[in-house]
Amino acid sequence: MELAGFKALPPLAEIQIHIYDPDDDTVTAALLAEDESAVALARFKLSLEMQRKLLDGNTPGPWQINREQIPEINRHLKRQVDVLFRQSAP
């Protein structure tokens, strides 16, 4: 994400998407702590069209996004990708 100037998600791994209240810091920290393999928690905004395409509105999530979908997601980003938390290097 840094190499792309925070304007794109990296097409290197699968992404898990959660919808949450961005003002609730306890939820954001818990999301990162849930997955031991997670390296960061990032926030991004998608076009409504892409949200409808990717996210099944009948389930509460989280939703898995395959790395093959990342280039299409990047074309629908509505703003910069924000890195909220990073895991410390071991």
N, C-alpha and C. Protein backbone atom coordinates (compact mmCIF):
# COMPACT_ATOMS: atom_id res chain seq x y z
N MET A 1 0.83 -1.18 0.00
CA MET A 1 0.00 0.00 0.00
C MET A 1 0.88 1.25 0.00
N GLU A 2 1.98 1.19 0.74
CA GLU A 2 2.87 2.35 0.79
C GLU A 2 3.47 2.65 -0.58
N LEU A 3 3.88 1.59 -1.30
CA LEU A 3 4.48 1.78 -2.62
C LEU A 3 3.50 2.40 -3.61
N ALA A 4 2.22 2.17 -3.40
CA ALA A 4 1.19 2.73 -4.29
C ALA A 4 0.71 4.09 -3.79
N GLY A 5 1.40 4.67 -2.83
CA GLY A 5 0.99 5.96 -2.29
C GLY A 5 -0.34 5.91 -1.58
N PHE A 6 -0.67 4.76 -1.00
CA PHE A 6 -1.92 4.53 -0.27
C PHE A 6 -3.14 4.76 -1.17
N LYS A 7 -2.97 4.53 -2.47
CA LYS A 7 -4.08 4.69 -3.42
C LYS A 7 -4.58 3.35 -3.94
N ALA A 8 -4.02 2.23 -3.41
CA ALA A 8 -4.43 0.91 -3.87
C ALA A 8 -4.15 -0.13 -2.80
N LEU A 9 -4.95 -1.19 -2.83
CA LEU A 9 -4.72 -2.33 -1.96
C LEU A 9 -3.72 -3.26 -2.65
N PRO A 10 -2.89 -3.95 -1.89
CA PRO A 10 -1.90 -4.83 -2.51
C PRO A 10 -2.54 -6.13 -3.01
N PRO A 11 -2.25 -6.53 -4.24
CA PRO A 11 -2.84 -7.77 -4.78
C PRO A 11 -2.04 -9.01 -4.38
N LEU A 12 -1.59 -9.07 -3.14
CA LEU A 12 -0.70 -10.13 -2.71
C LEU A 12 -1.36 -11.19 -1.84
N ALA A 13 -2.48 -10.87 -1.25
CA ALA A 13 -3.10 -11.80 -0.31
C ALA A 13 -4.61 -11.60 -0.31
N GLU A 14 -5.29 -12.53 0.34
CA GLU A 14 -6.72 -12.38 0.50
C GLU A 14 -6.99 -11.32 1.56
N ILE A 15 -8.12 -10.68 1.45
CA ILE A 15 -8.51 -9.63 2.38
C ILE A 15 -9.82 -10.03 3.02
N GLN A 16 -9.93 -9.76 4.30
CA GLN A 16 -11.18 -10.00 4.99
C GLN A 16 -11.82 -8.64 5.26
N ILE A 17 -13.08 -8.48 4.85
CA ILE A 17 -13.77 -7.20 5.00
C ILE A 17 -14.79 -7.29 6.12
N HIS A 18 -14.74 -6.29 7.01
CA HIS A 18 -15.70 -6.12 8.09
C HIS A 18 -16.32 -4.75 7.94
N ILE A 19 -17.57 -4.62 8.31
CA ILE A 19 -18.20 -3.31 8.39
C ILE A 19 -18.35 -3.00 9.87
N TYR A 20 -17.89 -1.82 10.27
CA TYR A 20 -17.91 -1.45 11.69
C TYR A 20 -17.97 0.05 11.83
N ASP A 21 -18.20 0.49 13.06
CA ASP A 21 -18.24 1.92 13.39
C ASP A 21 -16.79 2.41 13.50
N PRO A 22 -16.34 3.28 12.61
CA PRO A 22 -14.94 3.72 12.63
C PRO A 22 -14.55 4.52 13.87
N ASP A 23 -15.52 4.96 14.65
CA ASP A 23 -15.22 5.71 15.86
C ASP A 23 -15.02 4.81 17.07
N ASP A 24 -15.22 3.51 16.92
CA ASP A 24 -15.08 2.57 18.03
C ASP A 24 -13.70 1.91 17.98
N ASP A 25 -12.73 2.48 18.70
CA ASP A 25 -11.36 1.99 18.67
C ASP A 25 -11.22 0.58 19.23
N THR A 26 -12.08 0.18 20.17
CA THR A 26 -11.98 -1.17 20.73
C THR A 26 -12.30 -2.21 19.67
N VAL A 27 -13.24 -1.91 18.79
CA VAL A 27 -13.59 -2.85 17.71
C VAL A 27 -12.44 -2.95 16.72
N THR A 28 -11.85 -1.84 16.35
CA THR A 28 -10.77 -1.88 15.37
C THR A 28 -9.57 -2.66 15.90
N ALA A 29 -9.22 -2.48 17.15
CA ALA A 29 -8.11 -3.23 17.74
C ALA A 29 -8.44 -4.71 17.83
N ALA A 30 -9.67 -5.05 18.17
CA ALA A 30 -10.09 -6.45 18.28
C ALA A 30 -10.05 -7.14 16.92
N LEU A 31 -10.40 -6.43 15.86
CA LEU A 31 -10.37 -7.03 14.53
C LEU A 31 -8.96 -7.48 14.17
N LEU A 32 -7.98 -6.69 14.48
CA LEU A 32 -6.60 -7.04 14.17
C LEU A 32 -6.12 -8.18 15.07
N ALA A 33 -6.53 -8.18 16.32
CA ALA A 33 -6.09 -9.21 17.26
C ALA A 33 -6.71 -10.58 16.94
N GLU A 34 -7.85 -10.62 16.26
CA GLU A 34 -8.53 -11.88 15.95
C GLU A 34 -7.73 -12.79 15.04
N ASP A 35 -6.95 -12.24 14.16
CA ASP A 35 -6.24 -13.02 13.15
C ASP A 35 -4.74 -12.90 13.37
N GLU A 36 -4.12 -13.99 13.81
CA GLU A 36 -2.68 -13.96 14.10
C GLU A 36 -1.83 -13.71 12.86
N SER A 37 -2.36 -14.03 11.68
CA SER A 37 -1.58 -13.84 10.46
C SER A 37 -1.77 -12.44 9.87
N ALA A 38 -2.68 -11.65 10.43
CA ALA A 38 -2.93 -10.30 9.92
C ALA A 38 -1.71 -9.41 10.17
N VAL A 39 -1.40 -8.58 9.19
CA VAL A 39 -0.26 -7.67 9.34
C VAL A 39 -0.71 -6.23 9.54
N ALA A 40 -1.94 -5.92 9.14
CA ALA A 40 -2.42 -4.54 9.29
C ALA A 40 -3.94 -4.51 9.20
N LEU A 41 -4.48 -3.41 9.67
CA LEU A 41 -5.90 -3.11 9.54
C LEU A 41 -6.00 -1.83 8.73
N ALA A 42 -6.64 -1.92 7.59
CA ALA A 42 -6.75 -0.77 6.69
C ALA A 42 -8.22 -0.42 6.49
N ARG A 43 -8.46 0.86 6.26
CA ARG A 43 -9.82 1.35 5.98
C ARG A 43 -9.83 1.91 4.58
N PHE A 44 -10.86 1.54 3.83
CA PHE A 44 -11.01 2.08 2.48
C PHE A 44 -12.50 2.19 2.16
N LYS A 45 -12.80 3.02 1.22
CA LYS A 45 -14.19 3.25 0.83
C LYS A 45 -14.36 2.86 -0.63
N LEU A 46 -15.40 2.06 -0.88
CA LEU A 46 -15.69 1.60 -2.23
C LEU A 46 -16.91 2.29 -2.79
N SER A 47 -17.01 2.30 -4.10
CA SER A 47 -18.23 2.80 -4.74
C SER A 47 -19.38 1.90 -4.31
N LEU A 48 -20.58 2.45 -4.29
CA LEU A 48 -21.76 1.69 -3.90
C LEU A 48 -21.95 0.49 -4.84
N GLU A 49 -21.68 0.70 -6.11
CA GLU A 49 -21.79 -0.38 -7.09
C GLU A 49 -20.90 -1.57 -6.70
N MET A 50 -19.66 -1.30 -6.32
CA MET A 50 -18.73 -2.37 -5.96
C MET A 50 -19.13 -3.00 -4.63
N GLN A 51 -19.62 -2.21 -3.69
CA GLN A 51 -20.07 -2.78 -2.42
C GLN A 51 -21.17 -3.79 -2.66
N ARG A 52 -22.13 -3.43 -3.49
CA ARG A 52 -23.23 -4.35 -3.79
C ARG A 52 -22.74 -5.61 -4.48
N LYS A 53 -21.76 -5.47 -5.33
CA LYS A 53 -21.24 -6.61 -6.09
C LYS A 53 -20.47 -7.57 -5.18
N LEU A 54 -19.69 -7.03 -4.26
CA LEU A 54 -18.81 -7.86 -3.43
C LEU A 54 -19.45 -8.40 -2.16
N LEU A 55 -20.30 -7.59 -1.54
CA LEU A 55 -20.79 -7.92 -0.21
C LEU A 55 -22.23 -8.40 -0.27
N ASP A 56 -22.46 -9.56 0.25
CA ASP A 56 -23.81 -10.10 0.32
C ASP A 56 -24.53 -9.38 1.46
N GLY A 57 -25.51 -8.58 1.12
CA GLY A 57 -26.23 -7.78 2.12
C GLY A 57 -27.05 -8.60 3.09
N ASN A 58 -27.21 -9.89 2.81
CA ASN A 58 -28.01 -10.75 3.69
C ASN A 58 -27.19 -11.41 4.78
N THR A 59 -25.88 -11.18 4.79
CA THR A 59 -25.03 -11.75 5.82
C THR A 59 -24.30 -10.63 6.55
N PRO A 60 -24.01 -10.83 7.83
CA PRO A 60 -23.35 -9.78 8.60
C PRO A 60 -21.85 -9.66 8.35
N GLY A 61 -21.28 -10.56 7.57
CA GLY A 61 -19.84 -10.53 7.33
C GLY A 61 -19.12 -11.29 8.43
N PRO A 62 -17.85 -11.36 8.42
CA PRO A 62 -16.94 -10.75 7.45
C PRO A 62 -17.00 -11.46 6.10
N TRP A 63 -16.51 -10.76 5.09
CA TRP A 63 -16.49 -11.28 3.73
C TRP A 63 -15.04 -11.48 3.30
N GLN A 64 -14.77 -12.59 2.63
CA GLN A 64 -13.44 -12.87 2.11
C GLN A 64 -13.33 -12.36 0.68
N ILE A 65 -12.26 -11.65 0.40
CA ILE A 65 -11.99 -11.13 -0.94
C ILE A 65 -10.72 -11.81 -1.44
N ASN A 66 -10.81 -12.45 -2.58
CA ASN A 66 -9.64 -13.12 -3.16
C ASN A 66 -8.71 -12.11 -3.80
N ARG A 67 -7.43 -12.45 -3.85
CA ARG A 67 -6.45 -11.53 -4.43
C ARG A 67 -6.73 -11.23 -5.89
N GLU A 68 -7.40 -12.13 -6.60
CA GLU A 68 -7.73 -11.88 -8.00
C GLU A 68 -8.74 -10.74 -8.15
N GLN A 69 -9.48 -10.45 -7.08
CA GLN A 69 -10.48 -9.38 -7.10
C GLN A 69 -9.89 -8.00 -6.79
N ILE A 70 -8.68 -7.95 -6.25
CA ILE A 70 -8.08 -6.70 -5.80
C ILE A 70 -7.94 -5.66 -6.92
N PRO A 71 -7.46 -6.01 -8.12
CA PRO A 71 -7.36 -4.99 -9.16
C PRO A 71 -8.70 -4.30 -9.46
N GLU A 72 -9.78 -5.08 -9.49
CA GLU A 72 -11.09 -4.48 -9.73
C GLU A 72 -11.52 -3.59 -8.57
N ILE A 73 -11.24 -4.04 -7.35
CA ILE A 73 -11.56 -3.22 -6.17
C ILE A 73 -10.79 -1.91 -6.24
N ASN A 74 -9.52 -1.96 -6.61
CA ASN A 74 -8.71 -0.74 -6.68
C ASN A 74 -9.29 0.27 -7.66
N ARG A 75 -9.91 -0.18 -8.71
CA ARG A 75 -10.53 0.74 -9.68
C ARG A 75 -11.76 1.43 -9.10
N HIS A 76 -12.31 0.89 -8.02
CA HIS A 76 -13.53 1.44 -7.42
C HIS A 76 -13.29 2.12 -6.07
N LEU A 77 -12.03 2.29 -5.69
CA LEU A 77 -11.75 3.00 -4.43
C LEU A 77 -12.18 4.46 -4.56
N LYS A 78 -12.81 4.98 -3.50
CA LYS A 78 -13.32 6.35 -3.52
C LYS A 78 -12.41 7.33 -2.80
N ARG A 79 -11.37 6.84 -2.13
CA ARG A 79 -10.41 7.72 -1.44
C ARG A 79 -9.17 6.91 -1.10
N GLN A 80 -8.24 7.57 -0.47
CA GLN A 80 -6.98 6.95 -0.05
C GLN A 80 -7.25 5.81 0.93
N VAL A 81 -6.37 4.81 0.93
CA VAL A 81 -6.43 3.72 1.88
C VAL A 81 -5.74 4.18 3.16
N ASP A 82 -6.41 4.06 4.28
CA ASP A 82 -5.85 4.47 5.57
C ASP A 82 -5.41 3.22 6.34
N VAL A 83 -4.16 3.18 6.80
CA VAL A 83 -3.69 2.10 7.65
C VAL A 83 -3.94 2.53 9.08
N LEU A 84 -4.85 1.81 9.77
CA LEU A 84 -5.23 2.17 11.13
C LEU A 84 -4.31 1.56 12.18
N PHE A 85 -3.95 0.30 11.98
CA PHE A 85 -3.06 -0.40 12.89
C PHE A 85 -2.14 -1.30 12.10
N ARG A 86 -0.93 -1.51 12.62
CA ARG A 86 0.02 -2.46 12.03
C ARG A 86 0.51 -3.37 13.15
N GLN A 87 0.74 -4.63 12.78
CA GLN A 87 1.35 -5.55 13.73
C GLN A 87 2.83 -5.22 13.81
N SER A 88 3.39 -5.34 14.99
CA SER A 88 4.82 -5.14 15.15
C SER A 88 5.57 -6.31 14.57
N ALA A 89 6.73 -6.03 13.99
CA ALA A 89 7.57 -7.12 13.47
C ALA A 89 8.08 -7.96 14.61
N PRO A 90 8.15 -9.30 14.42
CA PRO A 90 8.62 -10.18 15.52
C PRO A 90 10.06 -9.96 15.85
